[in-house]
């Protein structure tokens, strides 16, 4: 495998195994399963809203009545 770690290195390697446990790695993605899809859908909605408002902007040429 590689260079022997010795008793001290082996001690710390065994103590750090919990850091690589599947429940601890990549937690944010598993904690929010639909967040990516929701962000993309909301971005499309906002872009569509902006495009709609630019296309159908009300004209400001009507005279004011005071």
N, C-alpha and C. Protein backbone atom coordinates (compact mmCIF):
# COMPACT_ATOMS: atom_id res chain seq x y z
N UNK A 1 0.83 -1.19 0.00
CA UNK A 1 0.00 0.00 0.00
C UNK A 1 0.87 1.24 0.00
N UNK A 2 1.75 1.37 0.91
CA UNK A 2 2.62 2.53 0.97
C UNK A 2 3.53 2.40 2.15
N UNK A 3 4.08 3.50 2.55
CA UNK A 3 4.98 3.49 3.70
C UNK A 3 4.19 3.18 4.96
N UNK A 4 4.77 2.38 5.82
CA UNK A 4 4.10 2.02 7.07
C UNK A 4 3.94 3.27 7.95
N UNK A 5 2.80 3.39 8.57
CA UNK A 5 2.51 4.57 9.38
C UNK A 5 3.12 4.49 10.77
N UNK A 6 3.36 3.32 11.25
CA UNK A 6 3.86 3.17 12.61
C UNK A 6 2.71 3.22 13.59
N UNK A 7 2.98 2.98 14.86
CA UNK A 7 1.88 2.93 15.84
C UNK A 7 1.17 4.27 16.01
N UNK A 8 1.89 5.38 15.95
CA UNK A 8 1.23 6.69 16.13
C UNK A 8 0.37 7.04 14.92
N UNK A 9 0.92 6.83 13.73
CA UNK A 9 0.16 7.11 12.51
C UNK A 9 -1.07 6.24 12.39
N UNK A 10 -0.93 4.98 12.75
CA UNK A 10 -2.07 4.07 12.70
C UNK A 10 -3.15 4.50 13.70
N UNK A 11 -2.73 4.97 14.84
CA UNK A 11 -3.67 5.45 15.85
C UNK A 11 -4.51 6.60 15.29
N UNK A 12 -3.84 7.58 14.66
CA UNK A 12 -4.58 8.74 14.15
C UNK A 12 -5.39 8.38 12.91
N UNK A 13 -4.91 7.44 12.09
CA UNK A 13 -5.69 7.04 10.92
C UNK A 13 -7.00 6.41 11.35
N UNK A 14 -6.94 5.56 12.36
CA UNK A 14 -8.18 4.94 12.85
C UNK A 14 -9.10 5.97 13.49
N UNK A 15 -8.53 6.97 14.14
CA UNK A 15 -9.36 8.00 14.78
C UNK A 15 -10.03 8.91 13.75
N UNK A 16 -9.46 9.03 12.56
CA UNK A 16 -10.02 9.92 11.53
C UNK A 16 -10.95 9.21 10.56
N UNK A 17 -11.19 7.92 10.72
CA UNK A 17 -12.05 7.20 9.79
C UNK A 17 -13.48 7.73 9.83
N UNK A 18 -13.93 8.25 10.94
CA UNK A 18 -15.31 8.73 11.04
C UNK A 18 -15.55 9.92 10.11
N UNK A 19 -14.48 10.66 9.78
CA UNK A 19 -14.64 11.83 8.89
C UNK A 19 -15.05 11.43 7.48
N UNK A 20 -14.75 10.20 7.09
CA UNK A 20 -15.07 9.74 5.73
C UNK A 20 -16.36 8.93 5.68
N UNK A 21 -17.10 8.91 6.77
CA UNK A 21 -18.34 8.15 6.81
C UNK A 21 -19.35 8.76 5.83
N UNK A 22 -20.11 7.94 5.10
CA UNK A 22 -21.05 8.47 4.10
C UNK A 22 -22.10 9.42 4.68
N UNK A 23 -22.45 9.26 5.94
CA UNK A 23 -23.44 10.16 6.52
C UNK A 23 -22.89 11.57 6.75
N UNK A 24 -21.57 11.71 6.77
CA UNK A 24 -20.97 13.01 7.04
C UNK A 24 -20.46 13.71 5.79
N UNK A 25 -20.27 12.99 4.72
CA UNK A 25 -19.76 13.61 3.50
C UNK A 25 -20.92 14.07 2.65
N UNK A 26 -20.77 15.23 2.07
CA UNK A 26 -21.76 15.79 1.14
C UNK A 26 -23.13 15.94 1.80
N UNK A 27 -23.16 16.38 3.02
CA UNK A 27 -24.41 16.48 3.77
C UNK A 27 -25.35 17.53 3.19
N UNK A 28 -24.84 18.66 2.72
CA UNK A 28 -25.73 19.74 2.27
C UNK A 28 -26.58 19.30 1.09
N UNK A 29 -25.98 18.56 0.16
CA UNK A 29 -26.74 18.11 -1.00
C UNK A 29 -27.84 17.15 -0.60
N UNK A 30 -27.57 16.29 0.36
CA UNK A 30 -28.58 15.33 0.78
C UNK A 30 -29.61 15.96 1.70
N UNK A 31 -29.24 17.03 2.39
CA UNK A 31 -30.18 17.68 3.30
C UNK A 31 -31.21 18.50 2.54
N UNK A 32 -30.86 18.97 1.35
CA UNK A 32 -31.77 19.79 0.54
C UNK A 32 -31.92 19.15 -0.84
N UNK A 33 -32.69 18.08 -0.96
CA UNK A 33 -32.73 17.33 -2.21
C UNK A 33 -33.32 18.09 -3.39
N UNK A 34 -34.25 19.00 -3.18
CA UNK A 34 -34.87 19.70 -4.30
C UNK A 34 -34.41 21.13 -4.48
N UNK A 35 -33.40 21.54 -3.73
CA UNK A 35 -32.98 22.95 -3.78
C UNK A 35 -32.44 23.34 -5.14
N UNK A 36 -31.65 22.50 -5.77
CA UNK A 36 -31.08 22.83 -7.08
C UNK A 36 -32.16 23.04 -8.13
N UNK A 37 -33.11 22.15 -8.18
CA UNK A 37 -34.21 22.27 -9.14
C UNK A 37 -35.04 23.51 -8.84
N UNK A 38 -35.27 23.79 -7.57
CA UNK A 38 -36.06 24.96 -7.19
C UNK A 38 -35.35 26.26 -7.59
N UNK A 39 -34.05 26.32 -7.41
CA UNK A 39 -33.30 27.53 -7.77
C UNK A 39 -33.35 27.75 -9.28
N UNK A 40 -33.20 26.68 -10.05
CA UNK A 40 -33.26 26.81 -11.51
C UNK A 40 -34.66 27.23 -11.95
N UNK A 41 -35.69 26.62 -11.38
CA UNK A 41 -37.06 26.98 -11.74
C UNK A 41 -37.36 28.43 -11.37
N UNK A 42 -36.90 28.88 -10.21
CA UNK A 42 -37.13 30.26 -9.81
C UNK A 42 -36.38 31.23 -10.72
N UNK A 43 -35.17 30.86 -11.13
CA UNK A 43 -34.41 31.70 -12.06
C UNK A 43 -35.12 31.85 -13.39
N UNK A 44 -35.69 30.75 -13.89
CA UNK A 44 -36.44 30.81 -15.15
C UNK A 44 -37.68 31.68 -14.97
N UNK A 45 -38.34 31.56 -13.83
CA UNK A 45 -39.52 32.38 -13.56
C UNK A 45 -39.16 33.87 -13.55
N UNK A 46 -38.07 34.23 -12.87
CA UNK A 46 -37.66 35.63 -12.77
C UNK A 46 -37.28 36.16 -14.16
N UNK A 47 -36.55 35.37 -14.94
CA UNK A 47 -36.17 35.79 -16.29
C UNK A 47 -37.42 36.00 -17.15
N UNK A 48 -38.39 35.09 -17.03
CA UNK A 48 -39.63 35.25 -17.78
C UNK A 48 -40.42 36.48 -17.35
N UNK A 49 -40.43 36.74 -16.06
CA UNK A 49 -41.13 37.93 -15.56
C UNK A 49 -40.50 39.21 -16.08
N UNK A 50 -39.16 39.26 -16.10
CA UNK A 50 -38.46 40.44 -16.61
C UNK A 50 -38.73 40.60 -18.10
N UNK A 51 -38.67 39.51 -18.85
CA UNK A 51 -38.94 39.59 -20.29
C UNK A 51 -40.38 40.03 -20.55
N UNK A 52 -41.32 39.50 -19.79
CA UNK A 52 -42.73 39.89 -19.96
C UNK A 52 -42.92 41.37 -19.68
N UNK A 53 -42.30 41.87 -18.61
CA UNK A 53 -42.44 43.28 -18.27
C UNK A 53 -41.78 44.19 -19.31
N UNK A 54 -40.71 43.74 -19.97
CA UNK A 54 -40.08 44.55 -21.01
C UNK A 54 -40.93 44.56 -22.28
N UNK A 55 -41.52 43.41 -22.60
CA UNK A 55 -42.32 43.33 -23.83
C UNK A 55 -43.64 44.08 -23.68
N UNK A 56 -44.29 43.90 -22.55
CA UNK A 56 -45.61 44.50 -22.34
C UNK A 56 -45.56 45.67 -21.37
N UNK A 57 -44.53 46.47 -21.47
CA UNK A 57 -44.41 47.63 -20.58
C UNK A 57 -45.49 48.65 -20.94
N UNK A 58 -46.12 49.23 -19.93
CA UNK A 58 -47.14 50.24 -20.24
C UNK A 58 -46.48 51.47 -20.83
N UNK A 59 -47.17 52.07 -21.80
CA UNK A 59 -46.61 53.28 -22.41
C UNK A 59 -46.83 54.47 -21.46
N UNK A 60 -45.85 55.32 -21.38
CA UNK A 60 -45.91 56.48 -20.49
C UNK A 60 -46.18 57.76 -21.28
N UNK A 61 -46.86 57.65 -22.43
CA UNK A 61 -47.14 58.83 -23.25
C UNK A 61 -48.49 59.46 -22.96
N UNK A 62 -49.29 58.85 -22.09
CA UNK A 62 -50.61 59.41 -21.81
C UNK A 62 -50.46 60.67 -20.95
N UNK A 63 -51.26 61.69 -21.27
CA UNK A 63 -51.16 62.94 -20.50
C UNK A 63 -51.69 62.77 -19.08
N UNK A 64 -51.11 63.50 -18.18
CA UNK A 64 -51.58 63.47 -16.79
C UNK A 64 -52.71 64.49 -16.63
N UNK A 65 -53.63 64.16 -15.81
CA UNK A 65 -54.73 65.10 -15.55
C UNK A 65 -54.57 65.63 -14.13
N UNK A 66 -54.32 66.95 -14.02
CA UNK A 66 -54.20 67.57 -12.70
C UNK A 66 -55.15 68.70 -12.60
